[in-house]
Amino acid sequence: MKRRDFVTKIGVGTLAGGTLLSGCGKDKEAAGSGEKKARTEYKWNMVTTWPKDFPGLGTGANTLAAKINEMSGGRMQVTVYGAKEIVPAFEVFDAVSSGTAQIGHGAAYYWKGKNEAFQFFSTVPYGMNTQEMNGWMHKGGGLELWQEAYAPFNLIPAPAGNTTVQMAGWFNKEINSIADLSGLKMRIPGLGGEVLSRAGGTPVNLPGGELFTALQTGVLDATEWVGPYNDLAFGFHKVAKYYYYPGWHEPGTTLEAIINKQAYEQLPSDLQAIVMAACRIANAEMVDEYTANNNAALHTLVNEHNVQLRRLPDDVLAKLMSLSDEVVNEVANKSELGKKVFASYSKFRDQAQQWHGISEGAYYGARGKV
């Protein structure tokens, strides 16, 4: 969509940087005087890679917008658009980079064509989980590296959601050995897709809204999406029989807010702080939402819809881990950015894993139920 068409669609008044100077008609009486003080308001449009209002993902984008609107006292107004409402799902990065929209919500592995190292900022097969990714981003230098990586694209990124450990996916046949992945056409993005390819499968990257039909018509033999909460909403149980775990490919997927640099810099400092604080809130809110809803949705899938819940065999998981190590190290060594990011990622992962061995992992073992 051309920028002129976009402006026509959303209405006149949006400036290049995303500001709308609407003080006229919204003046406030200055305290203690008869003077009027104009208030500058900022209207932003958020484009997302998710279907509008989709549970967890789409509602996570809504939460981010709502928090910005609320905490700014109405000085900012962010309007959310689902995939295809303004731009297709996989054009969100470019739309925000160019200033067509001021903010986007998606996942960094969708943009691996820009730089394969971007994938480390979303999720890594057999990599860090949600708690570890948040720690790396906010306290281990991950966010600073991410900002550096996106800077050439006129973007400022921030974590704005996490799906927690995902499911391995929906399959129309049983997976009893690594050979069963050979020739399998499966929707699986990012580094996990390359791992599947090396296992003999064919990775396909499709937006979420196209997956049901692709499974139903045989375009796909299998798909991963997120987990029970989201998968039930999409109705995958109607077109696939077997539901496998664990989600080796996405152990804690960070979702992102991507912000146009000029739009952000036009905000006063307090509104800049509000935008970043809202990202932190949205990040935590999404984790809470998935933790609260996944098990109930899984119960519905298994007990009401007779879905066959299966664990991937140990030898399959072991082979996928071996292939994952190959893929991740190759991607890390393709660029100077990749080397720097993976060095930081690996260091944080290793120290977090050591601690979790005697904390989280040991506790689950002691409790007797994992």
Protein backbone atom coordinates (compact mmCIF):
# COMPACT_ATOMS: atom_id res chain seq x y z
CA MET A 1 0.00 0.00 0.00
CA LYS A 2 1.39 3.41 -0.91
CA ARG A 3 1.80 5.94 1.85
CA ARG A 4 -0.78 8.27 0.24
CA ASP A 5 -3.33 5.45 0.24
CA PHE A 6 -2.49 4.64 3.85
CA VAL A 7 -3.05 8.23 4.97
CA THR A 8 -6.37 8.27 3.15
CA LYS A 9 -7.40 5.07 4.91
CA ILE A 10 -6.61 6.20 8.45
CA GLY A 11 -7.62 9.81 8.04
CA VAL A 12 -5.96 13.15 7.48
CA GLY A 13 -3.77 14.60 10.21
CA THR A 14 -1.02 12.03 10.75
CA LEU A 15 2.39 13.66 10.47
CA ALA A 16 5.50 11.95 9.15
CA GLY A 17 6.74 11.31 12.65
CA GLY A 18 3.40 10.04 13.85
CA THR A 19 2.36 13.14 15.79
CA LEU A 20 -0.94 14.90 15.62
CA LEU A 21 -0.87 18.41 17.02
CA SER A 22 -4.39 18.57 18.29
CA GLY A 23 -4.13 21.21 20.99
CA CYS A 24 -6.68 23.35 19.18
CA GLY A 25 -10.03 22.76 20.79
CA LYS A 26 -8.46 20.79 23.67
CA ASP A 27 -6.94 23.66 25.60
CA LYS A 28 -6.61 23.58 29.34
CA GLU A 29 -6.87 26.50 31.68
CA ALA A 30 -3.40 27.21 33.02
CA ALA A 31 -3.33 26.94 36.80
CA GLY A 32 -3.79 30.27 38.51
CA SER A 33 -4.25 32.31 35.32
CA GLY A 34 -6.73 32.95 32.57
CA GLU A 35 -4.28 31.79 29.91
CA LYS A 36 -4.89 28.68 27.88
CA LYS A 37 -2.22 26.07 27.41
CA ALA A 38 -2.39 23.87 24.32
CA ARG A 39 -1.74 20.15 24.79
CA THR A 40 0.08 18.22 22.14
CA GLU A 41 -1.37 14.79 21.45
CA TYR A 42 0.30 11.96 19.55
CA LYS A 43 -1.65 9.53 17.42
CA TRP A 44 0.20 6.31 16.61
CA ASN A 45 -0.84 3.33 14.51
CA MET A 46 0.30 -0.16 15.47
CA VAL A 47 0.54 -2.83 12.78
CA THR A 48 0.86 -6.45 13.87
CA THR A 49 1.66 -9.87 12.50
CA TRP A 50 -1.35 -11.38 14.28
CA PRO A 51 -5.05 -11.67 13.45
CA LYS A 52 -6.95 -8.83 15.08
CA ASP A 53 -7.85 -9.56 18.73
CA PHE A 54 -6.42 -13.11 18.53
CA PRO A 55 -6.07 -14.53 22.09
CA GLY A 56 -2.66 -14.02 23.64
CA LEU A 57 -0.86 -12.59 20.62
CA GLY A 58 -3.38 -10.11 19.28
CA THR A 59 -4.65 -9.26 22.74
CA GLY A 60 -1.03 -8.76 23.80
CA ALA A 61 -0.72 -6.02 21.18
CA ASN A 62 -3.99 -4.56 22.46
CA THR A 63 -2.63 -4.55 26.00
CA LEU A 64 0.46 -2.65 24.91
CA ALA A 65 -1.63 -0.01 23.15
CA ALA A 66 -4.09 0.28 26.03
CA LYS A 67 -1.33 0.77 28.59
CA ILE A 68 0.29 3.52 26.54
CA ASN A 69 -3.06 5.25 26.13
CA GLU A 70 -3.92 4.91 29.80
CA MET A 71 -0.58 5.86 31.33
CA SER A 72 -0.22 8.88 29.04
CA GLY A 73 -3.53 10.24 30.26
CA GLY A 74 -4.77 10.38 26.69
CA ARG A 75 -1.81 12.36 25.38
CA MET A 76 -0.99 9.32 23.24
CA GLN A 77 -3.57 7.35 21.30
CA VAL A 78 -2.38 4.09 19.79
CA THR A 79 -4.72 2.27 17.39
CA VAL A 80 -4.06 -1.42 16.71
CA TYR A 81 -4.43 -3.01 13.27
CA GLY A 82 -4.32 -6.76 12.75
CA ALA A 83 -2.47 -8.51 9.95
CA LYS A 84 -3.74 -7.44 6.50
CA GLU A 85 -5.80 -4.53 7.84
CA ILE A 86 -3.07 -2.11 6.77
CA VAL A 87 -0.14 -4.29 5.71
CA PRO A 88 0.33 -8.08 5.45
CA ALA A 89 1.77 -9.85 8.48
CA PHE A 90 5.29 -10.19 7.13
CA GLU A 91 5.52 -6.54 6.03
CA VAL A 92 5.25 -5.09 9.52
CA PHE A 93 9.01 -4.56 9.88
CA ASP A 94 9.27 -2.54 6.68
CA ALA A 95 6.09 -0.58 7.41
CA VAL A 96 7.43 0.67 10.72
CA SER A 97 10.94 1.18 9.37
CA SER A 98 9.62 3.45 6.62
CA GLY A 99 7.27 5.36 8.91
CA THR A 100 4.06 4.04 7.37
CA ALA A 101 3.16 3.08 10.95
CA GLN A 102 4.78 4.30 14.15
CA ILE A 103 4.88 0.98 16.02
CA GLY A 104 4.60 -2.72 15.25
CA HIS A 105 4.11 -5.96 17.16
CA GLY A 106 5.60 -9.22 15.93
CA ALA A 107 8.60 -11.52 16.38
CA ALA A 108 12.21 -11.04 15.31
CA TYR A 109 12.57 -14.38 13.53
CA TYR A 110 10.12 -13.20 10.88
CA TRP A 111 12.79 -10.76 9.69
CA LYS A 112 15.69 -13.18 9.32
CA GLY A 113 15.97 -12.13 5.69
CA LYS A 114 17.32 -8.80 6.93
CA ASN A 115 19.96 -10.46 9.09
CA GLU A 116 19.91 -14.06 10.31
CA ALA A 117 21.24 -12.94 13.70
CA PHE A 118 17.87 -11.30 14.41
CA GLN A 119 16.55 -14.76 15.28
CA PHE A 120 18.50 -14.81 18.54
CA PHE A 121 16.21 -12.05 19.81
CA SER A 122 13.08 -14.19 19.43
CA THR A 123 13.89 -17.82 20.25
CA VAL A 124 16.57 -20.47 19.77
CA PRO A 125 15.94 -24.24 19.57
CA TYR A 126 16.93 -25.76 22.90
CA GLY A 127 17.81 -22.24 23.99
CA MET A 128 16.67 -20.02 26.82
CA ASN A 129 13.18 -20.14 28.28
CA THR A 130 11.00 -17.16 29.10
CA GLN A 131 12.57 -16.36 32.46
CA GLU A 132 16.05 -16.61 31.01
CA MET A 133 15.25 -14.52 27.93
CA ASN A 134 13.79 -11.76 30.09
CA GLY A 135 16.88 -11.82 32.28
CA TRP A 136 19.20 -11.60 29.28
CA MET A 137 17.21 -8.84 27.65
CA HIS A 138 16.82 -6.59 30.64
CA LYS A 139 19.86 -7.39 32.79
CA GLY A 140 22.33 -9.26 30.59
CA GLY A 141 22.94 -6.91 27.66
CA GLY A 142 20.55 -8.55 25.20
CA LEU A 143 18.36 -5.49 24.71
CA GLU A 144 21.33 -3.25 23.98
CA LEU A 145 22.53 -5.67 21.30
CA TRP A 146 19.03 -5.84 19.85
CA GLN A 147 18.85 -2.06 19.65
CA GLU A 148 22.20 -2.03 17.91
CA ALA A 149 21.02 -4.66 15.42
CA TYR A 150 17.84 -2.75 14.49
CA ALA A 151 19.40 0.75 14.44
CA PRO A 152 20.35 0.61 10.72
CA PHE A 153 16.67 0.01 9.95
CA ASN A 154 15.46 3.13 11.76
CA LEU A 155 13.87 0.99 14.49
CA ILE A 156 13.93 0.73 18.26
CA PRO A 157 12.97 -2.75 19.55
CA ALA A 158 11.70 -3.83 22.96
CA PRO A 159 10.41 -7.11 24.41
CA ALA A 160 6.59 -6.93 24.49
CA GLY A 161 5.39 -10.44 25.22
CA ASN A 162 6.49 -14.04 25.56
CA THR A 163 4.58 -17.22 24.75
CA THR A 164 6.45 -19.42 27.26
CA VAL A 165 7.44 -22.94 26.14
CA GLN A 166 5.44 -23.88 23.06
CA MET A 167 4.14 -27.20 21.77
CA ALA A 168 6.05 -29.15 19.10
CA GLY A 169 2.99 -28.95 16.86
CA TRP A 170 0.10 -30.65 15.09
CA PHE A 171 0.73 -33.64 12.83
CA ASN A 172 -1.41 -35.81 10.60
CA LYS A 173 0.79 -38.82 11.22
CA GLU A 174 2.64 -40.28 14.17
CA ILE A 175 6.28 -39.37 14.72
CA ASN A 176 8.07 -42.50 15.91
CA SER A 177 11.54 -41.83 14.53
CA ILE A 178 13.54 -39.08 12.89
CA ALA A 179 12.77 -40.71 9.54
CA ASP A 180 9.13 -39.71 9.98
CA LEU A 181 10.15 -36.07 9.53
CA SER A 182 11.55 -36.76 6.07
CA GLY A 183 9.45 -35.12 3.38
CA LEU A 184 7.16 -33.50 5.97
CA LYS A 185 5.76 -30.13 4.89
CA MET A 186 5.50 -28.19 8.13
CA ARG A 187 4.90 -24.60 9.04
CA ILE A 188 7.81 -23.74 11.32
CA PRO A 189 9.66 -20.40 11.27
CA GLY A 190 13.11 -19.27 12.30
CA LEU A 191 15.99 -21.47 13.31
CA GLY A 192 13.62 -24.37 13.99
CA GLY A 193 12.70 -24.37 10.32
CA GLU A 194 16.32 -24.84 9.27
CA VAL A 195 16.66 -27.70 11.75
CA LEU A 196 13.60 -29.41 10.25
CA SER A 197 15.12 -28.98 6.80
CA ARG A 198 18.27 -30.79 7.88
CA ALA A 199 16.12 -33.57 9.29
CA GLY A 200 14.66 -34.03 5.81
CA GLY A 201 11.50 -31.97 6.17
CA THR A 202 10.30 -28.94 4.24
CA PRO A 203 9.78 -25.84 6.40
CA VAL A 204 7.07 -23.40 5.32
CA ASN A 205 6.53 -19.96 6.81
CA LEU A 206 2.89 -18.86 6.74
CA PRO A 207 1.01 -16.30 8.87
CA GLY A 208 -1.19 -17.75 11.58
CA GLY A 209 -4.42 -16.84 9.83
CA GLU A 210 -3.59 -19.14 6.89
CA LEU A 211 -2.65 -22.27 8.82
CA PHE A 212 -6.05 -23.92 9.31
CA THR A 213 -6.84 -23.90 5.60
CA ALA A 214 -3.32 -25.04 4.70
CA LEU A 215 -3.68 -28.07 6.98
CA GLN A 216 -7.21 -28.76 5.82
CA THR A 217 -6.28 -28.74 2.13
CA GLY A 218 -3.03 -30.69 2.49
CA VAL A 219 -0.74 -27.78 1.69
CA LEU A 220 0.80 -28.61 5.06
CA ASP A 221 1.29 -31.99 6.70
CA ALA A 222 1.96 -30.41 10.08
CA THR A 223 2.16 -27.05 11.79
CA GLU A 224 3.40 -25.55 14.96
CA TRP A 225 1.80 -22.37 16.20
CA VAL A 226 2.04 -21.63 19.91
CA GLY A 227 0.32 -23.78 22.52
CA PRO A 228 -3.10 -25.04 23.63
CA TYR A 229 -4.58 -21.62 24.41
CA ASN A 230 -3.93 -20.32 20.89
CA ASP A 231 -4.24 -23.63 19.07
CA LEU A 232 -7.71 -24.30 20.43
CA ALA A 233 -8.79 -20.85 19.25
CA PHE A 234 -7.63 -21.66 15.71
CA GLY A 235 -9.39 -25.03 15.78
CA PHE A 236 -6.41 -27.12 14.68
CA HIS A 237 -7.97 -30.17 16.37
CA LYS A 238 -10.47 -30.26 13.51
CA VAL A 239 -7.80 -30.81 10.85
CA ALA A 240 -4.98 -32.66 12.64
CA LYS A 241 -5.02 -35.68 14.94
CA TYR A 242 -1.72 -35.76 16.82
CA TYR A 243 -0.50 -33.02 19.16
CA TYR A 244 3.17 -33.35 20.08
CA TYR A 245 5.34 -31.86 22.81
CA PRO A 246 7.79 -30.48 23.97
CA GLY A 247 8.37 -27.36 21.91
CA TRP A 248 12.08 -27.94 21.35
CA HIS A 249 12.16 -25.23 18.68
CA GLU A 250 10.57 -22.42 20.73
CA PRO A 251 11.30 -22.71 24.46
CA GLY A 252 10.36 -19.13 25.28
CA THR A 253 9.61 -16.91 22.32
CA THR A 254 10.09 -13.19 22.89
CA LEU A 255 7.63 -11.01 21.00
CA GLU A 256 8.62 -7.51 20.08
CA ALA A 257 7.45 -3.97 19.89
CA ILE A 258 9.28 -2.21 17.07
CA ILE A 259 9.15 1.57 17.12
CA ASN A 260 9.95 4.03 14.38
CA LYS A 261 12.95 6.04 15.57
CA GLN A 262 11.73 9.45 14.39
CA ALA A 263 8.29 8.95 15.92
CA TYR A 264 9.88 7.97 19.22
CA GLU A 265 12.30 10.89 19.24
CA GLN A 266 9.45 13.36 18.70
CA LEU A 267 7.91 12.29 21.99
CA PRO A 268 8.74 14.21 25.15
CA SER A 269 10.85 12.26 27.63
CA ASP A 270 7.96 11.31 29.90
CA LEU A 271 6.03 9.75 27.00
CA GLN A 272 9.13 7.91 25.85
CA ALA A 273 9.38 6.44 29.35
CA ILE A 274 5.70 5.49 29.25
CA VAL A 275 6.11 3.63 25.95
CA MET A 276 8.99 1.58 27.32
CA ALA A 277 7.23 0.93 30.63
CA ALA A 278 4.15 -0.24 28.73
CA CYS A 279 6.33 -2.72 26.83
CA ARG A 280 7.56 -4.17 30.14
CA ILE A 281 3.97 -4.48 31.37
CA ALA A 282 2.76 -6.10 28.14
CA ASN A 283 5.66 -8.53 28.31
CA ALA A 284 4.69 -9.69 31.80
CA GLU A 285 0.95 -9.69 31.07
CA MET A 286 1.34 -12.11 28.17
CA VAL A 287 3.36 -14.57 30.26
CA ASP A 288 0.62 -14.47 32.90
CA GLU A 289 -2.09 -15.02 30.27
CA TYR A 290 -0.46 -18.12 28.80
CA THR A 291 0.35 -19.56 32.21
CA ALA A 292 -3.25 -19.10 33.31
CA ASN A 293 -4.92 -20.50 30.18
CA ASN A 294 -2.78 -23.17 28.53
CA ASN A 295 -3.61 -26.10 30.78
CA ALA A 296 -7.38 -25.56 30.68
CA ALA A 297 -7.22 -25.38 26.88
CA LEU A 298 -5.15 -28.57 26.74
CA HIS A 299 -7.73 -30.31 28.93
CA THR A 300 -10.45 -29.26 26.47
CA LEU A 301 -8.46 -30.50 23.47
CA VAL A 302 -7.75 -33.90 25.01
CA ASN A 303 -10.96 -34.61 26.90
CA GLU A 304 -13.59 -32.93 24.74
CA HIS A 305 -12.07 -33.18 21.27
CA ASN A 306 -10.17 -36.47 21.67
CA VAL A 307 -6.85 -35.04 20.52
CA GLN A 308 -4.00 -37.55 20.75
CA LEU A 309 -1.39 -35.91 23.00
CA ARG A 310 2.05 -37.40 22.34
CA ARG A 311 5.59 -36.79 23.53
CA LEU A 312 8.28 -36.79 20.86
CA PRO A 313 10.52 -39.89 21.28
CA ASP A 314 13.81 -39.34 23.09
CA ASP A 315 15.89 -40.32 20.05
CA VAL A 316 14.03 -37.78 17.90
CA LEU A 317 14.62 -35.06 20.46
CA ALA A 318 18.30 -36.00 20.70
CA LYS A 319 18.76 -35.80 16.93
CA LEU A 320 16.95 -32.48 16.75
CA MET A 321 19.21 -31.14 19.48
CA SER A 322 22.31 -32.22 17.57
CA LEU A 323 21.04 -30.56 14.39
CA SER A 324 20.07 -27.46 16.37
CA ASP A 325 23.61 -27.06 17.65
CA GLU A 326 24.90 -27.19 14.08
CA VAL A 327 22.41 -24.64 12.78
CA VAL A 328 22.78 -22.18 15.65
CA ASN A 329 26.56 -22.16 15.49
CA GLU A 330 26.56 -21.70 11.73
CA VAL A 331 24.18 -18.75 11.92
CA ALA A 332 26.20 -17.21 14.74
CA ASN A 333 29.36 -17.31 12.63
CA LYS A 334 27.86 -15.80 9.48
CA SER A 335 28.35 -12.19 10.57
CA GLU A 336 30.15 -10.07 13.12
CA LEU A 337 26.78 -9.18 14.61
CA GLY A 338 25.92 -12.87 14.91
CA LYS A 339 29.18 -13.65 16.67
CA LYS A 340 28.71 -10.82 19.14
CA VAL A 341 25.08 -11.58 19.88
CA PHE A 342 25.61 -15.33 20.27
CA ALA A 343 28.60 -14.82 22.56
CA SER A 344 26.41 -12.75 24.88
CA TYR A 345 23.45 -15.14 24.52
CA SER A 346 25.57 -18.23 25.25
CA LYS A 347 27.27 -16.72 28.27
CA PHE A 348 23.96 -15.75 29.85
CA ARG A 349 22.33 -19.08 28.95
CA ASP A 350 25.13 -21.09 30.55
CA GLN A 351 25.15 -19.20 33.82
CA ALA A 352 21.34 -19.23 34.01
CA GLN A 353 21.28 -22.97 33.35
CA GLN A 354 23.79 -23.63 36.11
CA TRP A 355 21.69 -21.72 38.60
CA HIS A 356 18.41 -23.24 37.44
CA GLY A 357 19.90 -26.70 37.88
CA ILE A 358 19.94 -26.16 41.62
CA SER A 359 16.89 -23.90 41.77
CA GLU A 360 14.00 -24.34 39.33
CA GLY A 361 14.96 -27.78 38.05
CA ALA A 362 15.81 -29.15 41.47
CA TYR A 363 12.60 -27.76 42.91
CA TYR A 364 10.43 -29.40 40.24
CA GLY A 365 12.17 -32.67 40.97
CA ALA A 366 11.64 -32.31 44.70
CA ARG A 367 7.98 -31.46 44.23
CA GLY A 368 7.61 -34.69 42.30
CA LYS A 369 5.50 -33.27 39.50
CA VAL A 370 7.00 -31.66 36.41
